[in-house]
Amino acid sequence: MATQKERRRATRRRLLDTARELFAIEGIEDTSTEAVLEAAGTSRGAMYHHFASRDDLVAAVYEEVAAEAVDRARDRLDRDAAPLERLVAGSLAWLDEASRPEVARILVEDGPAALGWERCRQIEERYSLGAITTELRTAAQAGAMELDSADVTARLLSAALAEAVLVMTHAQDRDRAANRRAVEAVVRSLLSGLATNAPTA
């Protein structure tokens, strides 16, 4: 027989899974708390035991999706690659993961509007933005890049990648491959321009 702790853990997991599925299909703003509770087969009181508010439930789903996207992107990286190439590959791997319809809708399309810029930024600092910042600093410390500010560069690159996700997810099927090649060319150009051996004007 399951213990109370196990039942609570199962309820929290069910709420997260249900909310995530509905957010991906219906959108965050168009998914009511009642819809989540009904689909999860649980009560409002049970939800508030785990999440202080609907926003906290949304944030928990957002954070879980953000963490998974970064983990999958990292799994695709060559640990022995040169710092600059690793940064390019990591950026493109995250782009591919974040361009999945479910992920894109929660992380890029709906999440920021639902949670607000500041809360999303706090979460992303632990995941994609944090990973980009770390890789930039690693490349700079290895002498592969010259940066005035890794933090500012990471934010600009993160914003560019988020826009690239929208380009990818809203493209017609026939345009996706071409758009992906164009995005890769831009990412490589941007990061190569920061390389220590980049040509100067």
N, C-alpha and C. Protein backbone atom coordinates (compact mmCIF):
# COMPACT_ATOMS: atom_id res chain seq x y z
N MET A 1 0.84 -1.19 0.00
CA MET A 1 0.00 0.00 0.00
C MET A 1 0.88 1.25 0.00
N ALA A 2 0.51 2.22 -0.83
CA ALA A 2 1.31 3.44 -0.94
C ALA A 2 1.23 4.26 0.34
N THR A 3 2.34 4.85 0.70
CA THR A 3 2.37 5.72 1.87
C THR A 3 1.77 7.08 1.51
N GLN A 4 1.49 7.89 2.53
CA GLN A 4 0.94 9.22 2.28
C GLN A 4 1.92 10.06 1.45
N LYS A 5 3.21 9.92 1.73
CA LYS A 5 4.21 10.66 0.98
C LYS A 5 4.20 10.26 -0.48
N GLU A 6 4.07 8.97 -0.74
CA GLU A 6 4.03 8.47 -2.12
C GLU A 6 2.77 8.95 -2.83
N ARG A 7 1.65 8.97 -2.12
CA ARG A 7 0.40 9.45 -2.73
C ARG A 7 0.50 10.93 -3.07
N ARG A 8 1.10 11.69 -2.17
CA ARG A 8 1.27 13.12 -2.45
C ARG A 8 2.18 13.34 -3.64
N ARG A 9 3.25 12.56 -3.71
CA ARG A 9 4.17 12.68 -4.83
C ARG A 9 3.47 12.33 -6.14
N ALA A 10 2.63 11.29 -6.09
CA ALA A 10 1.90 10.87 -7.29
C ALA A 10 0.90 11.95 -7.71
N THR A 11 0.26 12.60 -6.74
CA THR A 11 -0.70 13.66 -7.06
C THR A 11 0.01 14.83 -7.72
N ARG A 12 1.15 15.21 -7.17
CA ARG A 12 1.92 16.32 -7.76
C ARG A 12 2.34 15.98 -9.18
N ARG A 13 2.80 14.75 -9.38
CA ARG A 13 3.23 14.32 -10.70
C ARG A 13 2.06 14.34 -11.69
N ARG A 14 0.90 13.90 -11.23
CA ARG A 14 -0.28 13.88 -12.09
C ARG A 14 -0.71 15.29 -12.47
N LEU A 15 -0.65 16.21 -11.53
CA LEU A 15 -0.99 17.60 -11.82
C LEU A 15 -0.03 18.20 -12.85
N LEU A 16 1.25 17.94 -12.68
CA LEU A 16 2.24 18.46 -13.63
C LEU A 16 2.04 17.88 -15.02
N ASP A 17 1.87 16.57 -15.09
CA ASP A 17 1.71 15.92 -16.39
C ASP A 17 0.44 16.39 -17.09
N THR A 18 -0.63 16.52 -16.31
CA THR A 18 -1.91 16.95 -16.90
C THR A 18 -1.83 18.39 -17.38
N ALA A 19 -1.29 19.26 -16.52
CA ALA A 19 -1.17 20.66 -16.91
C ALA A 19 -0.28 20.81 -18.14
N ARG A 20 0.81 20.09 -18.16
CA ARG A 20 1.73 20.18 -19.29
C ARG A 20 1.05 19.76 -20.59
N GLU A 21 0.30 18.69 -20.54
CA GLU A 21 -0.39 18.22 -21.74
C GLU A 21 -1.43 19.23 -22.21
N LEU A 22 -2.20 19.77 -21.28
CA LEU A 22 -3.23 20.75 -21.66
C LEU A 22 -2.61 22.06 -22.14
N PHE A 23 -1.55 22.50 -21.48
CA PHE A 23 -0.88 23.73 -21.92
C PHE A 23 -0.37 23.59 -23.35
N ALA A 24 0.18 22.42 -23.67
CA ALA A 24 0.73 22.20 -25.00
C ALA A 24 -0.36 22.16 -26.07
N ILE A 25 -1.52 21.65 -25.70
CA ILE A 25 -2.61 21.51 -26.67
C ILE A 25 -3.47 22.76 -26.76
N GLU A 26 -3.91 23.25 -25.61
CA GLU A 26 -4.86 24.36 -25.57
C GLU A 26 -4.19 25.72 -25.40
N GLY A 27 -2.96 25.72 -24.90
CA GLY A 27 -2.31 26.98 -24.55
C GLY A 27 -2.47 27.25 -23.07
N ILE A 28 -1.52 27.96 -22.49
CA ILE A 28 -1.56 28.21 -21.05
C ILE A 28 -2.75 29.08 -20.66
N GLU A 29 -2.95 30.18 -21.36
CA GLU A 29 -4.02 31.11 -21.00
C GLU A 29 -5.40 30.50 -21.21
N ASP A 30 -5.52 29.60 -22.16
CA ASP A 30 -6.83 29.00 -22.46
C ASP A 30 -7.10 27.74 -21.66
N THR A 31 -6.19 27.38 -20.76
CA THR A 31 -6.40 26.22 -19.90
C THR A 31 -6.76 26.70 -18.50
N SER A 32 -7.96 26.43 -18.08
CA SER A 32 -8.41 26.87 -16.76
C SER A 32 -7.91 25.92 -15.67
N THR A 33 -7.89 26.43 -14.45
CA THR A 33 -7.54 25.58 -13.32
C THR A 33 -8.52 24.42 -13.21
N GLU A 34 -9.79 24.70 -13.45
CA GLU A 34 -10.81 23.65 -13.37
C GLU A 34 -10.56 22.54 -14.38
N ALA A 35 -10.10 22.91 -15.57
CA ALA A 35 -9.82 21.90 -16.59
C ALA A 35 -8.68 20.99 -16.15
N VAL A 36 -7.66 21.57 -15.54
CA VAL A 36 -6.54 20.77 -15.05
C VAL A 36 -7.00 19.82 -13.95
N LEU A 37 -7.78 20.35 -13.00
CA LEU A 37 -8.25 19.52 -11.88
C LEU A 37 -9.13 18.38 -12.36
N GLU A 38 -10.02 18.69 -13.29
CA GLU A 38 -10.93 17.65 -13.79
C GLU A 38 -10.15 16.56 -14.52
N ALA A 39 -9.22 16.97 -15.38
CA ALA A 39 -8.45 15.99 -16.14
C ALA A 39 -7.52 15.17 -15.24
N ALA A 40 -7.01 15.82 -14.18
CA ALA A 40 -6.11 15.12 -13.27
C ALA A 40 -6.87 14.29 -12.24
N GLY A 41 -8.17 14.53 -12.12
CA GLY A 41 -8.97 13.79 -11.15
C GLY A 41 -8.60 14.11 -9.72
N THR A 42 -8.36 15.39 -9.46
CA THR A 42 -7.98 15.78 -8.10
C THR A 42 -8.71 17.06 -7.71
N SER A 43 -8.57 17.45 -6.47
CA SER A 43 -9.31 18.60 -5.95
C SER A 43 -8.47 19.87 -5.95
N ARG A 44 -9.16 20.99 -5.82
CA ARG A 44 -8.45 22.27 -5.74
C ARG A 44 -7.56 22.31 -4.49
N GLY A 45 -8.07 21.75 -3.40
CA GLY A 45 -7.28 21.72 -2.18
C GLY A 45 -5.99 20.93 -2.35
N ALA A 46 -6.08 19.81 -3.08
CA ALA A 46 -4.89 19.00 -3.33
C ALA A 46 -3.88 19.78 -4.17
N MET A 47 -4.39 20.54 -5.15
CA MET A 47 -3.48 21.33 -5.98
C MET A 47 -2.76 22.38 -5.14
N TYR A 48 -3.54 23.06 -4.27
CA TYR A 48 -2.94 24.12 -3.47
C TYR A 48 -2.01 23.58 -2.38
N HIS A 49 -2.11 22.30 -2.10
CA HIS A 49 -1.14 21.69 -1.18
C HIS A 49 0.24 21.67 -1.82
N HIS A 50 0.27 21.51 -3.15
CA HIS A 50 1.55 21.41 -3.86
C HIS A 50 1.97 22.72 -4.51
N PHE A 51 1.00 23.53 -4.91
CA PHE A 51 1.30 24.78 -5.62
C PHE A 51 0.47 25.90 -5.00
N ALA A 52 1.13 26.96 -4.59
CA ALA A 52 0.45 28.04 -3.88
C ALA A 52 -0.55 28.77 -4.76
N SER A 53 -0.36 28.70 -6.07
CA SER A 53 -1.25 29.39 -7.00
C SER A 53 -1.17 28.73 -8.36
N ARG A 54 -2.06 29.14 -9.25
CA ARG A 54 -2.00 28.65 -10.62
C ARG A 54 -0.67 29.04 -11.26
N ASP A 55 -0.20 30.25 -10.98
CA ASP A 55 1.08 30.69 -11.54
C ASP A 55 2.22 29.77 -11.10
N ASP A 56 2.16 29.29 -9.87
CA ASP A 56 3.20 28.38 -9.41
C ASP A 56 3.15 27.05 -10.15
N LEU A 57 1.96 26.60 -10.49
CA LEU A 57 1.83 25.38 -11.30
C LEU A 57 2.40 25.62 -12.69
N VAL A 58 2.06 26.76 -13.28
CA VAL A 58 2.60 27.10 -14.60
C VAL A 58 4.12 27.17 -14.55
N ALA A 59 4.65 27.81 -13.51
CA ALA A 59 6.10 27.94 -13.37
C ALA A 59 6.78 26.58 -13.22
N ALA A 60 6.14 25.67 -12.50
CA ALA A 60 6.72 24.34 -12.31
C ALA A 60 6.76 23.58 -13.63
N VAL A 61 5.70 23.70 -14.42
CA VAL A 61 5.69 23.07 -15.75
C VAL A 61 6.76 23.71 -16.63
N TYR A 62 6.81 25.03 -16.63
CA TYR A 62 7.79 25.76 -17.44
C TYR A 62 9.21 25.31 -17.07
N GLU A 63 9.49 25.23 -15.78
CA GLU A 63 10.83 24.85 -15.34
C GLU A 63 11.17 23.41 -15.75
N GLU A 64 10.21 22.52 -15.63
CA GLU A 64 10.45 21.13 -16.01
C GLU A 64 10.76 21.02 -17.51
N VAL A 65 10.00 21.73 -18.32
CA VAL A 65 10.23 21.70 -19.77
C VAL A 65 11.58 22.33 -20.11
N ALA A 66 11.92 23.43 -19.44
CA ALA A 66 13.21 24.09 -19.67
C ALA A 66 14.37 23.17 -19.31
N ALA A 67 14.25 22.48 -18.19
CA ALA A 67 15.32 21.58 -17.75
C ALA A 67 15.50 20.43 -18.72
N GLU A 68 14.40 19.86 -19.18
CA GLU A 68 14.48 18.72 -20.10
C GLU A 68 15.10 19.13 -21.43
N ALA A 69 14.74 20.32 -21.93
CA ALA A 69 15.30 20.77 -23.21
C ALA A 69 16.81 20.93 -23.12
N VAL A 70 17.28 21.51 -22.02
CA VAL A 70 18.72 21.68 -21.84
C VAL A 70 19.42 20.33 -21.68
N ASP A 71 18.82 19.44 -20.92
CA ASP A 71 19.43 18.12 -20.72
C ASP A 71 19.56 17.36 -22.04
N ARG A 72 18.51 17.41 -22.86
CA ARG A 72 18.57 16.72 -24.15
C ARG A 72 19.60 17.35 -25.07
N ALA A 73 19.69 18.68 -25.03
CA ALA A 73 20.70 19.37 -25.85
C ALA A 73 22.11 18.98 -25.41
N ARG A 74 22.34 18.94 -24.11
CA ARG A 74 23.66 18.58 -23.60
C ARG A 74 24.04 17.16 -23.98
N ASP A 75 23.07 16.27 -24.00
CA ASP A 75 23.35 14.88 -24.35
C ASP A 75 23.87 14.73 -25.77
N ARG A 76 23.61 15.73 -26.61
CA ARG A 76 24.03 15.66 -28.01
C ARG A 76 25.41 16.25 -28.24
N LEU A 77 26.01 16.84 -27.21
CA LEU A 77 27.27 17.54 -27.40
C LEU A 77 28.48 16.61 -27.33
N ASP A 78 29.49 16.98 -28.09
CA ASP A 78 30.78 16.30 -28.04
C ASP A 78 31.62 16.98 -26.96
N ARG A 79 31.88 16.27 -25.88
CA ARG A 79 32.60 16.85 -24.75
C ARG A 79 34.02 17.28 -25.13
N ASP A 80 34.56 16.69 -26.19
CA ASP A 80 35.94 16.99 -26.58
C ASP A 80 36.03 18.06 -27.66
N ALA A 81 34.90 18.62 -28.05
CA ALA A 81 34.91 19.63 -29.11
C ALA A 81 35.59 20.91 -28.61
N ALA A 82 36.12 21.68 -29.55
CA ALA A 82 36.72 22.97 -29.21
C ALA A 82 35.63 23.88 -28.63
N PRO A 83 36.01 24.80 -27.73
CA PRO A 83 35.01 25.62 -27.04
C PRO A 83 34.03 26.35 -27.96
N LEU A 84 34.54 26.96 -29.03
CA LEU A 84 33.66 27.70 -29.91
C LEU A 84 32.69 26.77 -30.64
N GLU A 85 33.20 25.64 -31.12
CA GLU A 85 32.34 24.69 -31.81
C GLU A 85 31.32 24.08 -30.85
N ARG A 86 31.73 23.87 -29.63
CA ARG A 86 30.80 23.34 -28.63
C ARG A 86 29.68 24.34 -28.36
N LEU A 87 30.02 25.61 -28.33
CA LEU A 87 29.01 26.65 -28.11
C LEU A 87 28.03 26.70 -29.27
N VAL A 88 28.55 26.63 -30.48
CA VAL A 88 27.68 26.61 -31.66
C VAL A 88 26.78 25.38 -31.64
N ALA A 89 27.39 24.22 -31.40
CA ALA A 89 26.62 22.97 -31.39
C ALA A 89 25.57 22.97 -30.29
N GLY A 90 25.94 23.49 -29.12
CA GLY A 90 24.98 23.55 -28.02
C GLY A 90 23.81 24.46 -28.32
N SER A 91 24.10 25.60 -28.93
CA SER A 91 23.03 26.54 -29.30
C SER A 91 22.07 25.91 -30.29
N LEU A 92 22.62 25.22 -31.27
CA LEU A 92 21.78 24.59 -32.30
C LEU A 92 21.02 23.39 -31.74
N ALA A 93 21.65 22.66 -30.83
CA ALA A 93 20.97 21.52 -30.20
C ALA A 93 19.78 22.01 -29.38
N TRP A 94 19.99 23.10 -28.64
CA TRP A 94 18.87 23.66 -27.86
C TRP A 94 17.77 24.15 -28.80
N LEU A 95 18.16 24.78 -29.90
CA LEU A 95 17.18 25.25 -30.87
C LEU A 95 16.31 24.09 -31.36
N ASP A 96 16.94 22.98 -31.68
CA ASP A 96 16.19 21.82 -32.17
C ASP A 96 15.23 21.30 -31.10
N GLU A 97 15.71 21.24 -29.86
CA GLU A 97 14.85 20.74 -28.78
C GLU A 97 13.71 21.70 -28.50
N ALA A 98 14.02 22.99 -28.46
CA ALA A 98 13.00 23.99 -28.15
C ALA A 98 12.00 24.18 -29.28
N SER A 99 12.34 23.73 -30.48
CA SER A 99 11.44 23.86 -31.62
C SER A 99 10.40 22.76 -31.68
N ARG A 100 10.49 21.78 -30.79
CA ARG A 100 9.42 20.79 -30.71
C ARG A 100 8.13 21.53 -30.34
N PRO A 101 7.02 21.20 -30.98
CA PRO A 101 5.79 21.98 -30.77
C PRO A 101 5.40 22.16 -29.31
N GLU A 102 5.42 21.09 -28.52
CA GLU A 102 5.04 21.19 -27.11
C GLU A 102 5.98 22.12 -26.36
N VAL A 103 7.27 21.97 -26.61
CA VAL A 103 8.28 22.75 -25.90
C VAL A 103 8.19 24.22 -26.32
N ALA A 104 8.09 24.46 -27.61
CA ALA A 104 8.03 25.83 -28.11
C ALA A 104 6.82 26.58 -27.54
N ARG A 105 5.69 25.90 -27.48
CA ARG A 105 4.49 26.59 -27.00
C ARG A 105 4.63 27.00 -25.54
N ILE A 106 5.21 26.13 -24.74
CA ILE A 106 5.32 26.42 -23.31
C ILE A 106 6.47 27.39 -23.02
N LEU A 107 7.63 27.15 -23.63
CA LEU A 107 8.82 27.96 -23.30
C LEU A 107 8.86 29.31 -23.99
N VAL A 108 8.43 29.36 -25.24
CA VAL A 108 8.64 30.57 -26.04
C VAL A 108 7.35 31.32 -26.33
N GLU A 109 6.30 30.59 -26.68
CA GLU A 109 5.08 31.27 -27.10
C GLU A 109 4.21 31.73 -25.93
N ASP A 110 3.93 30.82 -24.99
CA ASP A 110 2.95 31.13 -23.94
C ASP A 110 3.57 31.44 -22.58
N GLY A 111 4.64 30.75 -22.23
CA GLY A 111 5.20 30.87 -20.89
C GLY A 111 5.58 32.29 -20.48
N PRO A 112 6.35 33.01 -21.30
CA PRO A 112 6.74 34.37 -20.91
C PRO A 112 5.56 35.30 -20.68
N ALA A 113 4.52 35.18 -21.51
CA ALA A 113 3.35 36.03 -21.33
C ALA A 113 2.58 35.66 -20.07
N ALA A 114 2.52 34.37 -19.77
CA ALA A 114 1.76 33.92 -18.60
C ALA A 114 2.48 34.22 -17.29
N LEU A 115 3.79 34.07 -17.28
CA LEU A 115 4.56 34.21 -16.04
C LEU A 115 5.21 35.57 -15.87
N GLY A 116 5.41 36.27 -16.97
CA GLY A 116 6.12 37.54 -16.90
C GLY A 116 7.60 37.35 -17.18
N TRP A 117 8.19 38.40 -17.73
CA TRP A 117 9.59 38.34 -18.15
C TRP A 117 10.52 38.00 -16.99
N GLU A 118 10.32 38.64 -15.84
CA GLU A 118 11.26 38.47 -14.73
C GLU A 118 11.28 37.04 -14.21
N ARG A 119 10.10 36.45 -14.04
CA ARG A 119 10.06 35.09 -13.50
C ARG A 119 10.64 34.09 -14.49
N CYS A 120 10.33 34.25 -15.76
CA CYS A 120 10.91 33.36 -16.77
C CYS A 120 12.43 33.50 -16.81
N ARG A 121 12.91 34.73 -16.70
CA ARG A 121 14.35 34.94 -16.72
C ARG A 121 15.02 34.25 -15.53
N GLN A 122 14.40 34.31 -14.37
CA GLN A 122 14.96 33.64 -13.20
C GLN A 122 15.07 32.14 -13.42
N ILE A 123 14.07 31.57 -14.08
CA ILE A 123 14.11 30.14 -14.37
C ILE A 123 15.17 29.85 -15.43
N GLU A 124 15.19 30.64 -16.49
CA GLU A 124 16.13 30.38 -17.58
C GLU A 124 17.58 30.55 -17.15
N GLU A 125 17.81 31.37 -16.14
CA GLU A 125 19.18 31.52 -15.63
C GLU A 125 19.72 30.20 -15.07
N ARG A 126 18.82 29.31 -14.70
CA ARG A 126 19.24 28.00 -14.19
C ARG A 126 19.36 26.97 -15.31
N TYR A 127 18.87 27.31 -16.50
CA TYR A 127 18.83 26.33 -17.57
C TYR A 127 19.48 26.87 -18.85
N SER A 128 18.70 27.22 -19.87
CA SER A 128 19.31 27.57 -21.16
C SER A 128 20.21 28.80 -21.06
N LEU A 129 19.73 29.85 -20.42
CA LEU A 129 20.56 31.06 -20.31
C LEU A 129 21.80 30.78 -19.47
N GLY A 130 21.64 30.03 -18.41
CA GLY A 130 22.79 29.67 -17.58
C GLY A 130 23.79 28.83 -18.33
N ALA A 131 23.29 27.90 -19.15
CA ALA A 131 24.19 27.04 -19.93
C ALA A 131 24.96 27.85 -20.96
N ILE A 132 24.27 28.77 -21.64
CA ILE A 132 24.93 29.61 -22.63
C ILE A 132 26.01 30.47 -21.96
N THR A 133 25.67 31.06 -20.82
CA THR A 133 26.64 31.90 -20.11
C THR A 133 27.87 31.10 -19.71
N THR A 134 27.66 29.90 -19.21
CA THR A 134 28.78 29.04 -18.82
C THR A 134 29.67 28.71 -20.00
N GLU A 135 29.05 28.36 -21.13
CA GLU A 135 29.84 28.00 -22.32
C GLU A 135 30.60 29.20 -22.86
N LEU A 136 29.99 30.38 -22.81
CA LEU A 136 30.69 31.59 -23.25
C LEU A 136 31.90 31.87 -22.38
N ARG A 137 31.73 31.74 -21.08
CA ARG A 137 32.86 31.98 -20.17
C ARG A 137 33.96 30.95 -20.37
N THR A 138 33.57 29.71 -20.61
CA THR A 138 34.55 28.65 -20.86
C THR A 138 35.36 28.97 -22.12
N ALA A 139 34.65 29.40 -23.16
CA ALA A 139 35.33 29.74 -24.42
C ALA A 139 36.26 30.93 -24.23
N ALA A 140 35.81 31.92 -23.46
CA ALA A 140 36.64 33.10 -23.22
C ALA A 140 37.88 32.74 -22.40
N GLN A 141 37.69 31.91 -21.38
CA GLN A 141 38.82 31.50 -20.55
C GLN A 141 39.83 30.66 -21.32
N ALA A 142 39.34 29.94 -22.34
CA ALA A 142 40.23 29.13 -23.16
C ALA A 142 40.93 29.96 -24.23
N GLY A 143 40.58 31.25 -24.30
CA GLY A 143 41.20 32.12 -25.29
C GLY A 143 40.58 32.03 -26.66
N ALA A 144 39.41 31.39 -26.75
CA ALA A 144 38.77 31.22 -28.05
C ALA A 144 37.88 32.40 -28.44
N MET A 145 37.50 33.21 -27.44
CA MET A 145 36.61 34.34 -27.70
C MET A 145 37.06 35.54 -26.89
N GLU A 146 36.70 36.71 -27.39
CA GLU A 146 36.92 37.95 -26.67
C GLU A 146 35.56 38.55 -26.32
N LEU A 147 35.26 38.67 -25.03
CA LEU A 147 33.96 39.14 -24.60
C LEU A 147 34.10 40.31 -23.64
N ASP A 148 33.31 41.35 -23.86
CA ASP A 148 33.24 42.43 -22.88
C ASP A 148 32.38 41.98 -21.69
N SER A 149 31.34 41.20 -21.98
CA SER A 149 30.46 40.71 -20.92
C SER A 149 29.81 39.41 -21.37
N ALA A 150 30.12 38.33 -20.68
CA ALA A 150 29.49 37.05 -21.00
C ALA A 150 27.99 37.10 -20.73
N ASP A 151 27.60 37.82 -19.68
CA ASP A 151 26.18 37.90 -19.33
C ASP A 151 25.37 38.59 -20.42
N VAL A 152 25.86 39.73 -20.89
CA VAL A 152 25.14 40.46 -21.94
C VAL A 152 25.11 39.65 -23.23
N THR A 153 26.24 39.06 -23.58
CA THR A 153 26.30 38.26 -24.80
C THR A 153 25.34 37.09 -24.72
N ALA A 154 25.27 36.45 -23.56
CA ALA A 154 24.37 35.31 -23.39
C ALA A 154 22.91 35.73 -23.54
N ARG A 155 22.56 36.88 -23.01
CA ARG A 155 21.18 37.34 -23.12
C ARG A 155 20.80 37.64 -24.57
N LEU A 156 21.72 38.25 -25.29
CA LEU A 156 21.44 38.56 -26.69
C LEU A 156 21.34 37.29 -27.52
N LEU A 157 22.24 36.34 -27.27
CA LEU A 157 22.19 35.07 -28.00
C LEU A 157 20.92 34.30 -27.65
N SER A 158 20.55 34.31 -26.38
CA SER A 158 19.33 33.63 -25.94
C SER A 158 18.10 34.23 -26.62
N ALA A 159 18.05 35.55 -26.72
CA ALA A 159 16.92 36.20 -27.38
C ALA A 159 16.87 35.84 -28.86
N ALA A 160 18.04 35.79 -29.50
CA ALA A 160 18.09 35.42 -30.92
C ALA A 160 17.61 33.99 -31.12
N LEU A 161 18.01 33.09 -30.23
CA LEU A 161 17.59 31.70 -30.35
C LEU A 161 16.09 31.54 -30.12
N ALA A 162 15.54 32.31 -29.18
CA ALA A 162 14.09 32.25 -28.95
C ALA A 162 13.33 32.70 -30.19
N GLU A 163 13.82 33.75 -30.84
CA GLU A 163 13.19 34.20 -32.08
C GLU A 163 13.34 33.14 -33.17
N ALA A 164 14.48 32.47 -33.19
CA ALA A 164 14.70 31.40 -34.17
C ALA A 164 13.72 30.25 -33.96
N VAL A 165 13.39 29.97 -32.70
CA VAL A 165 12.39 28.94 -32.41
C VAL A 165 11.06 29.30 -33.07
N LEU A 166 10.67 30.56 -32.96
CA LEU A 166 9.41 30.99 -33.58
C LEU A 166 9.48 30.86 -35.10
N VAL A 167 10.63 31.21 -35.67
CA VAL A 167 10.80 31.06 -37.11
C VAL A 167 10.61 29.60 -37.51
N MET A 168 11.20 28.70 -36.73
CA MET A 168 11.12 27.28 -37.05
C MET A 168 9.71 26.72 -36.86
N THR A 169 9.08 27.05 -35.75
CA THR A 169 7.79 26.43 -35.44
C THR A 169 6.65 26.95 -36.30
N HIS A 170 6.79 28.17 -36.81
CA HIS A 170 5.72 28.73 -37.62
C HIS A 170 5.98 28.60 -39.13
N ALA A 171 7.06 27.94 -39.48
CA ALA A 171 7.37 27.75 -40.89
C ALA A 171 6.52 26.62 -41.48
N GLN A 172 6.22 26.74 -42.74
CA GLN A 172 5.59 25.63 -43.45
C GLN A 172 6.59 24.47 -43.51
N ASP A 173 6.07 23.26 -43.60
CA ASP A 173 6.94 22.09 -43.61
C ASP A 173 8.01 22.19 -44.69
N ARG A 174 7.63 22.71 -45.84
CA ARG A 174 8.59 22.79 -46.95
C ARG A 174 9.71 23.79 -46.68
N ASP A 175 9.47 24.71 -45.72
CA ASP A 175 10.46 25.75 -45.43
C ASP A 175 11.33 25.42 -44.22
N ARG A 176 10.98 24.40 -43.46
CA ARG A 176 11.67 24.15 -42.20
C ARG A 176 13.16 23.86 -42.40
N ALA A 177 13.48 23.02 -43.36
CA ALA A 177 14.89 22.67 -43.57
C ALA A 177 15.69 23.89 -43.99
N ALA A 178 15.11 24.70 -44.89
CA ALA A 178 15.81 25.90 -45.33
C ALA A 178 15.97 26.89 -44.18
N ASN A 179 14.94 27.03 -43.37
CA ASN A 179 15.03 27.94 -42.22
C ASN A 179 16.07 27.45 -41.22
N ARG A 180 16.12 26.14 -41.02
CA ARG A 180 17.11 25.58 -40.09
C ARG A 180 18.52 25.87 -40.57
N ARG A 181 18.76 25.74 -41.86
CA ARG A 181 20.09 26.04 -42.42
C ARG A 181 20.41 27.52 -42.26
N ALA A 182 19.42 28.37 -42.49
CA ALA A 182 19.64 29.81 -42.37
C ALA A 182 19.96 30.19 -40.93
N VAL A 183 19.23 29.61 -39.99
CA VAL A 183 19.48 29.89 -38.57
C VAL A 183 20.88 29.43 -38.18
N GLU A 184 21.27 28.24 -38.63
CA GLU A 184 22.61 27.75 -38.30
C GLU A 184 23.68 28.68 -38.84
N ALA A 185 23.48 29.17 -40.06
CA ALA A 185 24.47 30.08 -40.65
C ALA A 185 24.58 31.36 -39.84
N VAL A 186 23.44 31.88 -39.37
CA VAL A 186 23.46 33.11 -38.57
C VAL A 186 24.15 32.88 -37.23
N VAL A 187 23.82 31.77 -36.57
CA VAL A 187 24.43 31.46 -35.27
C VAL A 187 25.95 31.33 -35.42
N ARG A 188 26.38 30.61 -36.45
CA ARG A 188 27.82 30.45 -36.67
C ARG A 188 28.48 31.80 -36.96
N SER A 189 27.81 32.63 -37.74
CA SER A 189 28.37 33.94 -38.07
C SER A 189 28.48 34.82 -36.82
N LEU A 190 27.43 34.83 -36.01
CA LEU A 190 27.45 35.64 -34.79
C LEU A 190 28.57 35.22 -33.85
N LEU A 191 28.68 33.92 -33.62
CA LEU A 191 29.67 33.44 -32.66
C LEU A 191 31.09 33.49 -33.23
N SER A 192 31.21 33.25 -34.52
CA SER A 192 32.54 33.34 -35.14
C SER A 192 33.07 34.76 -35.08
N GLY A 193 32.15 35.73 -35.11
CA GLY A 193 32.56 37.13 -35.02
C GLY A 193 33.17 37.49 -33.68
N LEU A 194 32.93 36.65 -32.67
CA LEU A 194 33.50 36.88 -31.34
C LEU A 194 34.79 36.10 -31.12
N ALA A 195 35.16 35.29 -32.10
CA ALA A 195 36.37 34.49 -31.96
C ALA A 195 37.60 35.39 -31.93
N THR A 196 38.62 34.94 -31.24
CA THR A 196 39.83 35.76 -31.09
C THR A 196 40.54 35.98 -32.41
N ASN A 197 40.33 35.08 -33.37
CA ASN A 197 40.98 35.23 -34.67
C ASN A 197 40.03 35.80 -35.71
N ALA A 198 38.90 36.37 -35.26
CA ALA A 198 37.94 36.92 -36.21
C ALA A 198 38.54 38.14 -36.91
N PRO A 199 38.28 38.31 -38.21
CA PRO A 199 38.81 39.47 -38.93
C PRO A 199 38.19 40.76 -38.41
N THR A 200 38.95 41.81 -38.38
CA THR A 200 38.45 43.12 -37.94
C THR A 200 38.16 43.99 -39.14
N ALA A 201 37.25 44.92 -38.95
CA ALA A 201 36.87 45.80 -40.06
C ALA A 201 37.98 46.78 -40.37
